[in-house]
Amino acid sequence: MGQGKRTGMRHYAKTSWWSGRARALCGITWDAGEWEDSSWFSTDPICPTCKRLRKEGKRR
């Protein structure tokens, strides 16, 4: 799970090993250095769109 520096919430995202770019289930993308891994104990809310898409089994 990643957290974008500009959104203030956690997103379910995949990261490219090649470029470091991250793309969330909801469609938001970040370039390398614009996002950070969130800890398991983060109190930031989870993006409702990412949460719904993950529950439905969607993947990007």
N, C-alpha and C. Protein backbone atom coordinates (compact mmCIF):
# COMPACT_ATOMS: atom_id res chain seq x y z
N MET A 1 0.86 -1.17 0.00
CA MET A 1 0.00 0.00 0.00
C MET A 1 0.90 1.22 0.00
N GLY A 2 0.59 2.18 -0.82
CA GLY A 2 1.38 3.38 -0.91
C GLY A 2 0.58 4.61 -0.55
N GLN A 3 1.30 5.66 -0.25
CA GLN A 3 0.66 6.91 0.10
C GLN A 3 1.25 8.01 -0.76
N GLY A 4 0.41 8.68 -1.52
CA GLY A 4 0.86 9.79 -2.33
C GLY A 4 1.05 11.03 -1.48
N LYS A 5 2.10 11.75 -1.72
CA LYS A 5 2.38 12.94 -0.92
C LYS A 5 1.34 14.03 -1.12
N ARG A 6 0.63 14.00 -2.24
CA ARG A 6 -0.33 15.08 -2.50
C ARG A 6 -1.77 14.73 -2.16
N THR A 7 -2.06 13.47 -1.77
CA THR A 7 -3.45 13.10 -1.53
C THR A 7 -3.82 13.03 -0.06
N GLY A 8 -2.88 12.70 0.82
CA GLY A 8 -3.19 12.61 2.25
C GLY A 8 -3.95 11.36 2.62
N MET A 9 -4.02 10.38 1.72
CA MET A 9 -4.67 9.12 2.06
C MET A 9 -3.89 7.98 1.43
N ARG A 10 -4.15 6.77 1.91
CA ARG A 10 -3.46 5.60 1.42
C ARG A 10 -4.17 5.02 0.21
N HIS A 11 -3.39 4.45 -0.70
CA HIS A 11 -3.92 3.85 -1.92
C HIS A 11 -3.34 2.46 -2.08
N TYR A 12 -4.10 1.57 -2.73
CA TYR A 12 -3.58 0.28 -3.14
C TYR A 12 -2.89 0.51 -4.48
N ALA A 13 -1.58 0.34 -4.51
CA ALA A 13 -0.83 0.68 -5.72
C ALA A 13 0.22 -0.37 -6.03
N LYS A 14 0.54 -0.46 -7.31
CA LYS A 14 1.65 -1.29 -7.76
C LYS A 14 2.77 -0.36 -8.21
N THR A 15 3.99 -0.81 -7.99
CA THR A 15 5.15 -0.01 -8.32
C THR A 15 5.95 -0.69 -9.43
N SER A 16 6.40 0.09 -10.38
CA SER A 16 7.26 -0.42 -11.43
C SER A 16 8.68 -0.54 -10.89
N TRP A 17 9.25 -1.73 -11.01
CA TRP A 17 10.64 -1.93 -10.57
C TRP A 17 11.60 -1.18 -11.49
N TRP A 18 11.20 -1.00 -12.73
CA TRP A 18 12.09 -0.38 -13.70
C TRP A 18 12.18 1.14 -13.49
N SER A 19 11.03 1.81 -13.41
CA SER A 19 11.04 3.28 -13.36
C SER A 19 10.75 3.84 -11.97
N GLY A 20 10.22 3.03 -11.06
CA GLY A 20 9.86 3.53 -9.74
C GLY A 20 8.51 4.22 -9.70
N ARG A 21 7.82 4.24 -10.82
CA ARG A 21 6.50 4.88 -10.91
C ARG A 21 5.45 3.99 -10.26
N ALA A 22 4.51 4.59 -9.57
CA ALA A 22 3.44 3.85 -8.89
C ALA A 22 2.10 4.21 -9.51
N ARG A 23 1.21 3.20 -9.61
CA ARG A 23 -0.14 3.42 -10.13
C ARG A 23 -1.13 2.77 -9.18
N ALA A 24 -2.07 3.57 -8.69
CA ALA A 24 -3.09 3.08 -7.76
C ALA A 24 -4.27 2.49 -8.52
N LEU A 25 -5.05 1.67 -7.82
CA LEU A 25 -6.24 1.08 -8.44
C LEU A 25 -7.21 2.14 -8.94
N CYS A 26 -7.27 3.27 -8.23
CA CYS A 26 -8.21 4.33 -8.62
C CYS A 26 -7.73 5.12 -9.83
N GLY A 27 -6.50 4.85 -10.30
CA GLY A 27 -6.01 5.51 -11.51
C GLY A 27 -4.98 6.60 -11.28
N ILE A 28 -4.76 7.00 -10.04
CA ILE A 28 -3.76 8.03 -9.75
C ILE A 28 -2.38 7.43 -9.97
N THR A 29 -1.47 8.20 -10.57
CA THR A 29 -0.10 7.75 -10.77
C THR A 29 0.87 8.74 -10.13
N TRP A 30 2.01 8.20 -9.69
CA TRP A 30 3.07 9.02 -9.12
C TRP A 30 4.38 8.63 -9.76
N ASP A 31 5.22 9.61 -10.02
CA ASP A 31 6.57 9.33 -10.50
C ASP A 31 7.43 8.92 -9.31
N ALA A 32 8.60 8.39 -9.60
CA ALA A 32 9.52 8.00 -8.54
C ALA A 32 9.81 9.21 -7.64
N GLY A 33 9.75 9.01 -6.35
CA GLY A 33 10.02 10.08 -5.39
C GLY A 33 8.80 10.86 -4.96
N GLU A 34 7.67 10.69 -5.64
CA GLU A 34 6.45 11.41 -5.29
C GLU A 34 5.56 10.61 -4.36
N TRP A 35 5.93 9.38 -4.01
CA TRP A 35 5.11 8.55 -3.15
C TRP A 35 6.01 7.88 -2.12
N GLU A 36 5.40 7.32 -1.10
CA GLU A 36 6.15 6.59 -0.07
C GLU A 36 5.30 5.43 0.41
N ASP A 37 5.98 4.38 0.86
CA ASP A 37 5.26 3.25 1.45
C ASP A 37 4.66 3.69 2.77
N SER A 38 3.41 3.35 2.99
CA SER A 38 2.79 3.68 4.28
C SER A 38 2.99 2.51 5.23
N SER A 39 3.10 2.82 6.48
CA SER A 39 3.32 1.78 7.48
C SER A 39 2.01 1.04 7.77
N TRP A 40 2.12 -0.11 8.38
CA TRP A 40 0.95 -0.89 8.76
C TRP A 40 0.12 -0.16 9.81
N PHE A 41 0.72 0.78 10.52
CA PHE A 41 0.03 1.46 11.61
C PHE A 41 -0.37 2.88 11.25
N SER A 42 -0.46 3.18 9.98
CA SER A 42 -0.83 4.52 9.55
C SER A 42 -2.30 4.80 9.91
N THR A 43 -2.55 6.04 10.30
CA THR A 43 -3.92 6.44 10.64
C THR A 43 -4.61 7.17 9.50
N ASP A 44 -3.91 7.33 8.37
CA ASP A 44 -4.52 7.99 7.22
C ASP A 44 -5.61 7.10 6.63
N PRO A 45 -6.68 7.69 6.13
CA PRO A 45 -7.78 6.89 5.56
C PRO A 45 -7.37 6.24 4.24
N ILE A 46 -8.01 5.12 3.93
CA ILE A 46 -7.78 4.44 2.66
C ILE A 46 -8.70 5.05 1.62
N CYS A 47 -8.18 5.26 0.44
CA CYS A 47 -8.97 5.80 -0.67
C CYS A 47 -10.21 4.93 -0.88
N PRO A 48 -11.41 5.51 -0.85
CA PRO A 48 -12.62 4.71 -1.00
C PRO A 48 -12.73 4.00 -2.35
N THR A 49 -12.24 4.61 -3.40
CA THR A 49 -12.29 3.99 -4.72
C THR A 49 -11.36 2.78 -4.78
N CYS A 50 -10.14 2.93 -4.26
CA CYS A 50 -9.19 1.81 -4.22
C CYS A 50 -9.76 0.66 -3.38
N LYS A 51 -10.35 1.01 -2.26
CA LYS A 51 -10.90 0.00 -1.36
C LYS A 51 -12.02 -0.79 -2.05
N ARG A 52 -12.90 -0.09 -2.75
CA ARG A 52 -14.01 -0.73 -3.45
C ARG A 52 -13.50 -1.62 -4.58
N LEU A 53 -12.55 -1.11 -5.37
CA LEU A 53 -12.02 -1.88 -6.50
C LEU A 53 -11.27 -3.12 -6.02
N ARG A 54 -10.55 -3.00 -4.92
CA ARG A 54 -9.84 -4.17 -4.39
C ARG A 54 -10.83 -5.23 -3.90
N LYS A 55 -11.90 -4.77 -3.26
CA LYS A 55 -12.93 -5.69 -2.77
C LYS A 55 -13.59 -6.42 -3.93
N GLU A 56 -13.77 -5.74 -5.05
CA GLU A 56 -14.37 -6.34 -6.25
C GLU A 56 -13.38 -7.23 -7.01
N GLY A 57 -12.13 -7.22 -6.59
CA GLY A 57 -11.13 -8.06 -7.23
C GLY A 57 -10.50 -7.47 -8.48
N LYS A 58 -10.64 -6.16 -8.65
CA LYS A 58 -10.08 -5.51 -9.83
C LYS A 58 -8.57 -5.36 -9.68
N ARG A 59 -7.90 -5.34 -10.83
CA ARG A 59 -6.44 -5.13 -10.85
C ARG A 59 -6.11 -4.17 -11.97
N ARG A 60 -5.01 -3.49 -11.81
CA ARG A 60 -4.51 -2.59 -12.85
C ARG A 60 -3.30 -3.18 -13.47
